Amino acid sequence: MKKSLSKYLVPVLIAVATLAYFFISPIVQQKMALRASSLTVVSEPLPPVTQDARMYVDQIRLSNVKDEVYQMDGWGFLILDSKLAPTDYERTILLVSDTEVFAIPTTNVPRKDVQKTFEQLGLDLKDSGFAGVFPMNAIPRGDYVISLLFTLPDGTQARYNSKFELAKTFNSMQLVLKDNPK
């Protein structure tokens, strides 16, 4: 009996260790990728959604294949005051799920097309474009509403929700219209 038990003990331990590694390694990988990225987890209550803004997400694309880094491109601006240009306030992409909120820092991108399209507003929108970069592995699987957080120089914040969601699976990401079935 002892001989047959010890005969199966090593294969059983290897099987248990393999199963544990299979289930735990994606969680550890996601935590390590999040720690190494510029993403932050937002824990405070989100500011209210405003209707005094406009935004659009143009695309999400793979910008670095080796590190699985994606870039989200689009444009967004506030329409509160004609004296405020997008360079006068900070814009941050928010990925909002039922359980977590991730903040992605953005850089300003010139957008002459947006300036021309919204010329009737009388705003300086030439730098209304944004780009945010993040590693795919830093974000857990799930569906995320894409929002743009606006932070004014006085610290006031507001956010505007996109009509797109980010659908993240184990090995892919894509933009999905909110009202369309997946």
C-alpha atoms as a PDB file:
ATOM      1  CA  MET A   1       0.000   0.000   0.000  1.00  0.00           C
ATOM      2  CA  LYS A   2       2.781   2.440   0.928  1.00  0.00           C
ATOM      3  CA  LYS A   3       4.662   1.518  -2.198  1.00  0.00           C
ATOM      4  CA  SER A   4       1.665   2.183  -4.486  1.00  0.00           C
ATOM      5  CA  LEU A   5       0.887   5.464  -2.676  1.00  0.00           C
ATOM      6  CA  SER A   6       4.440   6.748  -3.091  1.00  0.00           C
ATOM      7  CA  LYS A   7       4.360   5.624  -6.712  1.00  0.00           C
ATOM      8  CA  TYR A   8       1.488   8.071  -7.451  1.00  0.00           C
ATOM      9  CA  LEU A   9       2.515  10.854  -5.071  1.00  0.00           C
ATOM     10  CA  VAL A  10       5.017  12.547  -7.412  1.00  0.00           C
ATOM     11  CA  PRO A  11       2.698  12.592 -10.477  1.00  0.00           C
ATOM     12  CA  VAL A  12      -0.187  13.891  -8.335  1.00  0.00           C
ATOM     13  CA  LEU A  13       1.991  16.670  -6.887  1.00  0.00           C
ATOM     14  CA  ILE A  14       3.165  17.626 -10.372  1.00  0.00           C
ATOM     15  CA  ALA A  15      -0.450  17.707 -11.612  1.00  0.00           C
ATOM     16  CA  VAL A  16      -1.551  19.876  -8.671  1.00  0.00           C
ATOM     17  CA  ALA A  17       1.383  22.259  -9.178  1.00  0.00           C
ATOM     18  CA  THR A  18       0.625  22.494 -12.903  1.00  0.00           C
ATOM     19  CA  LEU A  19      -3.047  23.286 -12.265  1.00  0.00           C
ATOM     20  CA  ALA A  20      -2.132  25.905  -9.660  1.00  0.00           C
ATOM     21  CA  TYR A  21       0.307  27.512 -12.098  1.00  0.00           C
ATOM     22  CA  PHE A  22      -2.319  27.455 -14.857  1.00  0.00           C
ATOM     23  CA  PHE A  23      -4.870  29.345 -12.752  1.00  0.00           C
ATOM     24  CA  ILE A  24      -2.580  31.694 -10.823  1.00  0.00           C
ATOM     25  CA  SER A  25      -0.049  32.774 -13.478  1.00  0.00           C
ATOM     26  CA  PRO A  26      -2.457  34.998 -15.518  1.00  0.00           C
ATOM     27  CA  ILE A  27      -3.376  36.903 -12.348  1.00  0.00           C
ATOM     28  CA  VAL A  28       0.271  37.372 -11.392  1.00  0.00           C
ATOM     29  CA  GLN A  29       1.146  38.412 -14.958  1.00  0.00           C
ATOM     30  CA  GLN A  30      -1.661  41.015 -14.988  1.00  0.00           C
ATOM     31  CA  LYS A  31      -0.554  42.473 -11.639  1.00  0.00           C
ATOM     32  CA  MET A  32       3.081  42.668 -12.783  1.00  0.00           C
ATOM     33  CA  ALA A  33       2.110  44.291 -16.098  1.00  0.00           C
ATOM     34  CA  LEU A  34      -0.086  46.831 -14.281  1.00  0.00           C
ATOM     35  CA  ARG A  35       2.725  47.694 -11.884  1.00  0.00           C
ATOM     36  CA  ALA A  36       5.199  48.200 -14.761  1.00  0.00           C
ATOM     37  CA  SER A  37       2.820  50.334 -16.862  1.00  0.00           C
ATOM     38  CA  SER A  38       1.684  53.958 -16.676  1.00  0.00           C
ATOM     39  CA  LEU A  39      -1.870  52.788 -15.939  1.00  0.00           C
ATOM     40  CA  THR A  40      -3.322  53.631 -12.565  1.00  0.00           C
ATOM     41  CA  VAL A  41      -6.276  52.107 -10.771  1.00  0.00           C
ATOM     42  CA  VAL A  42      -8.788  54.773  -9.762  1.00  0.00           C
ATOM     43  CA  SER A  43     -10.277  54.100  -6.356  1.00  0.00           C
ATOM     44  CA  GLU A  44     -11.965  57.403  -5.570  1.00  0.00           C
ATOM     45  CA  PRO A  45     -15.506  58.165  -6.729  1.00  0.00           C
ATOM     46  CA  LEU A  46     -15.658  59.226 -10.352  1.00  0.00           C
ATOM     47  CA  PRO A  47     -16.635  62.799 -11.171  1.00  0.00           C
ATOM     48  CA  PRO A  48     -20.054  63.407 -12.698  1.00  0.00           C
ATOM     49  CA  VAL A  49     -20.701  62.859 -16.391  1.00  0.00           C
ATOM     50  CA  THR A  50     -20.963  66.153 -18.254  1.00  0.00           C
ATOM     51  CA  GLN A  51     -22.836  67.014 -21.412  1.00  0.00           C
ATOM     52  CA  ASP A  52     -20.526  69.998 -22.006  1.00  0.00           C
ATOM     53  CA  ALA A  53     -17.938  67.968 -23.906  1.00  0.00           C
ATOM     54  CA  ARG A  54     -17.442  66.014 -27.091  1.00  0.00           C
ATOM     55  CA  MET A  55     -15.274  62.998 -27.755  1.00  0.00           C
ATOM     56  CA  TYR A  56     -14.705  60.199 -30.189  1.00  0.00           C
ATOM     57  CA  VAL A  57     -12.418  57.167 -30.169  1.00  0.00           C
ATOM     58  CA  ASP A  58     -10.957  56.674 -33.641  1.00  0.00           C
ATOM     59  CA  GLN A  59      -9.119  53.413 -33.104  1.00  0.00           C
ATOM     60  CA  ILE A  60      -7.258  51.075 -30.851  1.00  0.00           C
ATOM     61  CA  ARG A  61      -4.205  49.513 -32.422  1.00  0.00           C
ATOM     62  CA  LEU A  62      -1.255  47.365 -31.530  1.00  0.00           C
ATOM     63  CA  SER A  63       1.734  49.720 -31.368  1.00  0.00           C
ATOM     64  CA  ASN A  64       4.373  47.313 -30.009  1.00  0.00           C
ATOM     65  CA  VAL A  65       3.954  43.642 -30.912  1.00  0.00           C
ATOM     66  CA  LYS A  66       6.769  42.351 -28.689  1.00  0.00           C
ATOM     67  CA  ASP A  67       5.393  43.905 -25.474  1.00  0.00           C
ATOM     68  CA  GLU A  68       1.716  43.782 -26.563  1.00  0.00           C
ATOM     69  CA  VAL A  69       1.330  47.535 -26.093  1.00  0.00           C
ATOM     70  CA  TYR A  70      -1.781  49.154 -27.543  1.00  0.00           C
ATOM     71  CA  GLN A  71      -2.509  52.763 -28.409  1.00  0.00           C
ATOM     72  CA  MET A  72      -5.943  54.383 -28.272  1.00  0.00           C
ATOM     73  CA  ASP A  73      -6.417  57.401 -30.539  1.00  0.00           C
ATOM     74  CA  GLY A  74      -9.258  59.882 -30.684  1.00  0.00           C
ATOM     75  CA  TRP A  75     -10.284  63.431 -29.947  1.00  0.00           C
ATOM     76  CA  GLY A  76     -12.105  65.165 -27.122  1.00  0.00           C
ATOM     77  CA  PHE A  77     -12.729  68.645 -25.773  1.00  0.00           C
ATOM     78  CA  LEU A  78     -14.842  70.696 -23.370  1.00  0.00           C
ATOM     79  CA  ILE A  79     -17.347  73.265 -24.633  1.00  0.00           C
ATOM     80  CA  LEU A  80     -17.652  75.180 -21.353  1.00  0.00           C
ATOM     81  CA  ASP A  81     -15.755  78.328 -22.298  1.00  0.00           C
ATOM     82  CA  SER A  82     -14.575  79.611 -25.658  1.00  0.00           C
ATOM     83  CA  LYS A  83     -11.302  80.715 -24.050  1.00  0.00           C
ATOM     84  CA  LEU A  84     -10.352  77.157 -23.038  1.00  0.00           C
ATOM     85  CA  ALA A  85      -8.348  75.113 -25.514  1.00  0.00           C
ATOM     86  CA  PRO A  86      -7.662  71.380 -25.010  1.00  0.00           C
ATOM     87  CA  THR A  87      -4.077  72.253 -24.048  1.00  0.00           C
ATOM     88  CA  ASP A  88      -5.438  74.292 -21.091  1.00  0.00           C
ATOM     89  CA  TYR A  89      -6.717  71.211 -19.246  1.00  0.00           C
ATOM     90  CA  GLU A  90      -5.600  67.651 -18.709  1.00  0.00           C
ATOM     91  CA  ARG A  91      -7.328  64.750 -20.446  1.00  0.00           C
ATOM     92  CA  THR A  92      -7.123  61.181 -19.205  1.00  0.00           C
ATOM     93  CA  ILE A  93      -8.715  58.079 -20.720  1.00  0.00           C
ATOM     94  CA  LEU A  94     -10.789  56.089 -18.222  1.00  0.00           C
ATOM     95  CA  LEU A  95     -11.674  52.432 -18.741  1.00  0.00           C
ATOM     96  CA  VAL A  96     -14.676  51.824 -16.491  1.00  0.00           C
ATOM     97  CA  SER A  97     -15.960  48.332 -15.708  1.00  0.00           C
ATOM     98  CA  ASP A  98     -18.409  47.127 -13.072  1.00  0.00           C
ATOM     99  CA  THR A  99     -15.540  46.392 -10.681  1.00  0.00           C
ATOM    100  CA  GLU A 100     -12.519  48.518 -11.655  1.00  0.00           C
ATOM    101  CA  VAL A 101     -11.539  51.817 -13.233  1.00  0.00           C
ATOM    102  CA  PHE A 102      -8.208  52.274 -15.027  1.00  0.00           C
ATOM    103  CA  ALA A 103      -6.737  55.666 -15.941  1.00  0.00           C
ATOM    104  CA  ILE A 104      -4.505  56.022 -19.009  1.00  0.00           C
ATOM    105  CA  PRO A 105      -2.468  59.214 -19.377  1.00  0.00           C
ATOM    106  CA  THR A 106      -2.754  60.928 -22.758  1.00  0.00           C
ATOM    107  CA  THR A 107      -0.636  63.079 -25.005  1.00  0.00           C
ATOM    108  CA  ASN A 108      -2.010  65.878 -27.183  1.00  0.00           C
ATOM    109  CA  VAL A 109      -2.269  65.226 -30.902  1.00  0.00           C
ATOM    110  CA  PRO A 110      -2.938  67.929 -33.537  1.00  0.00           C
ATOM    111  CA  ARG A 111      -6.308  67.467 -35.290  1.00  0.00           C
ATOM    112  CA  LYS A 112      -7.065  69.968 -38.061  1.00  0.00           C
ATOM    113  CA  ASP A 113     -10.127  67.935 -39.055  1.00  0.00           C
ATOM    114  CA  VAL A 114     -11.764  68.476 -35.652  1.00  0.00           C
ATOM    115  CA  GLN A 115     -11.041  72.217 -35.770  1.00  0.00           C
ATOM    116  CA  LYS A 116     -12.727  72.440 -39.173  1.00  0.00           C
ATOM    117  CA  THR A 117     -15.718  70.263 -38.226  1.00  0.00           C
ATOM    118  CA  PHE A 118     -16.539  72.261 -35.071  1.00  0.00           C
ATOM    119  CA  GLU A 119     -15.572  75.754 -36.303  1.00  0.00           C
ATOM    120  CA  GLN A 120     -19.079  77.045 -35.447  1.00  0.00           C
ATOM    121  CA  LEU A 121     -18.240  76.613 -31.722  1.00  0.00           C
ATOM    122  CA  GLY A 122     -15.498  79.248 -31.912  1.00  0.00           C
ATOM    123  CA  LEU A 123     -13.038  77.095 -29.951  1.00  0.00           C
ATOM    124  CA  ASP A 124      -9.335  76.491 -30.514  1.00  0.00           C
ATOM    125  CA  LEU A 125      -9.447  72.746 -31.247  1.00  0.00           C
ATOM    126  CA  LYS A 126      -6.260  72.289 -33.254  1.00  0.00           C
ATOM    127  CA  ASP A 127      -4.742  70.117 -30.452  1.00  0.00           C
ATOM    128  CA  SER A 128      -7.966  68.300 -29.548  1.00  0.00           C
ATOM    129  CA  GLY A 129      -6.604  64.868 -30.448  1.00  0.00           C
ATOM    130  CA  PHE A 130      -5.309  62.462 -27.833  1.00  0.00           C
ATOM    131  CA  ALA A 131      -3.333  59.243 -27.705  1.00  0.00           C
ATOM    132  CA  GLY A 132      -2.966  56.897 -24.760  1.00  0.00           C
ATOM    133  CA  VAL A 133      -0.652  53.896 -24.574  1.00  0.00           C
ATOM    134  CA  PHE A 134      -1.128  50.831 -22.352  1.00  0.00           C
ATOM    135  CA  PRO A 135      -0.079  47.162 -22.208  1.00  0.00           C
ATOM    136  CA  MET A 136      -2.826  44.665 -22.979  1.00  0.00           C
ATOM    137  CA  ASN A 137      -1.789  42.362 -20.123  1.00  0.00           C
ATOM    138  CA  ALA A 138      -2.308  45.104 -17.507  1.00  0.00           C
ATOM    139  CA  ILE A 139      -6.078  45.071 -18.022  1.00  0.00           C
ATOM    140  CA  PRO A 140      -8.192  42.130 -16.832  1.00  0.00           C
ATOM    141  CA  ARG A 141     -10.767  40.502 -19.097  1.00  0.00           C
ATOM    142  CA  GLY A 142     -14.075  42.321 -19.304  1.00  0.00           C
ATOM    143  CA  ASP A 143     -16.059  45.095 -20.941  1.00  0.00           C
ATOM    144  CA  TYR A 144     -15.004  48.689 -20.234  1.00  0.00           C
ATOM    145  CA  VAL A 145     -16.863  51.914 -20.977  1.00  0.00           C
ATOM    146  CA  ILE A 146     -14.361  54.364 -22.469  1.00  0.00           C
ATOM    147  CA  SER A 147     -14.563  57.812 -20.867  1.00  0.00           C
ATOM    148  CA  LEU A 148     -12.474  60.935 -21.098  1.00  0.00           C
ATOM    149  CA  LEU A 149     -11.680  62.650 -17.809  1.00  0.00           C
ATOM    150  CA  PHE A 150     -11.165  66.401 -18.028  1.00  0.00           C
ATOM    151  CA  THR A 151      -9.201  68.093 -15.230  1.00  0.00           C
ATOM    152  CA  LEU A 152      -9.314  71.898 -15.288  1.00  0.00           C
ATOM    153  CA  PRO A 153      -6.464  74.041 -13.919  1.00  0.00           C
ATOM    154  CA  ASP A 154      -8.472  74.733 -10.730  1.00  0.00           C
ATOM    155  CA  GLY A 155      -8.750  70.971 -10.044  1.00  0.00           C
ATOM    156  CA  THR A 156     -12.393  70.633 -11.126  1.00  0.00           C
ATOM    157  CA  GLN A 157     -13.068  67.370 -12.924  1.00  0.00           C
ATOM    158  CA  ALA A 158     -15.760  66.103 -15.273  1.00  0.00           C
ATOM    159  CA  ARG A 159     -15.990  63.094 -17.548  1.00  0.00           C
ATOM    160  CA  TYR A 160     -17.658  62.322 -20.817  1.00  0.00           C
ATOM    161  CA  ASN A 161     -18.574  58.782 -21.901  1.00  0.00           C
ATOM    162  CA  SER A 162     -17.774  57.535 -25.383  1.00  0.00           C
ATOM    163  CA  LYS A 163     -20.263  55.573 -27.431  1.00  0.00           C
ATOM    164  CA  PHE A 164     -17.659  52.789 -27.567  1.00  0.00           C
ATOM    165  CA  GLU A 165     -16.678  50.073 -25.130  1.00  0.00           C
ATOM    166  CA  LEU A 166     -13.422  48.203 -24.952  1.00  0.00           C
ATOM    167  CA  ALA A 167     -14.037  44.448 -25.024  1.00  0.00           C
ATOM    168  CA  LYS A 168     -10.998  42.643 -23.579  1.00  0.00           C
ATOM    169  CA  THR A 169     -10.667  38.871 -23.780  1.00  0.00           C
ATOM    170  CA  PHE A 170      -7.730  36.755 -22.706  1.00  0.00           C
ATOM    171  CA  ASN A 171      -5.779  37.432 -25.903  1.00  0.00           C
ATOM    172  CA  SER A 172      -7.490  40.293 -27.773  1.00  0.00           C
ATOM    173  CA  MET A 173      -9.061  43.739 -27.497  1.00  0.00           C
ATOM    174  CA  GLN A 174     -11.541  45.521 -29.713  1.00  0.00           C
ATOM    175  CA  LEU A 175     -13.768  48.575 -29.823  1.00  0.00           C
ATOM    176  CA  VAL A 176     -17.480  47.783 -29.727  1.00  0.00           C
ATOM    177  CA  LEU A 177     -20.441  50.144 -30.072  1.00  0.00           C
ATOM    178  CA  LYS A 178     -22.304  50.158 -26.734  1.00  0.00           C
ATOM    179  CA  ASP A 179     -25.747  49.486 -28.171  1.00  0.00           C
ATOM    180  CA  ASN A 180     -24.663  46.696 -30.519  1.00  0.00           C
ATOM    181  CA  PRO A 181     -24.776  43.094 -29.359  1.00  0.00           C
ATOM    182  CA  LYS A 182     -21.348  41.491 -29.114  1.00  0.00           C
END
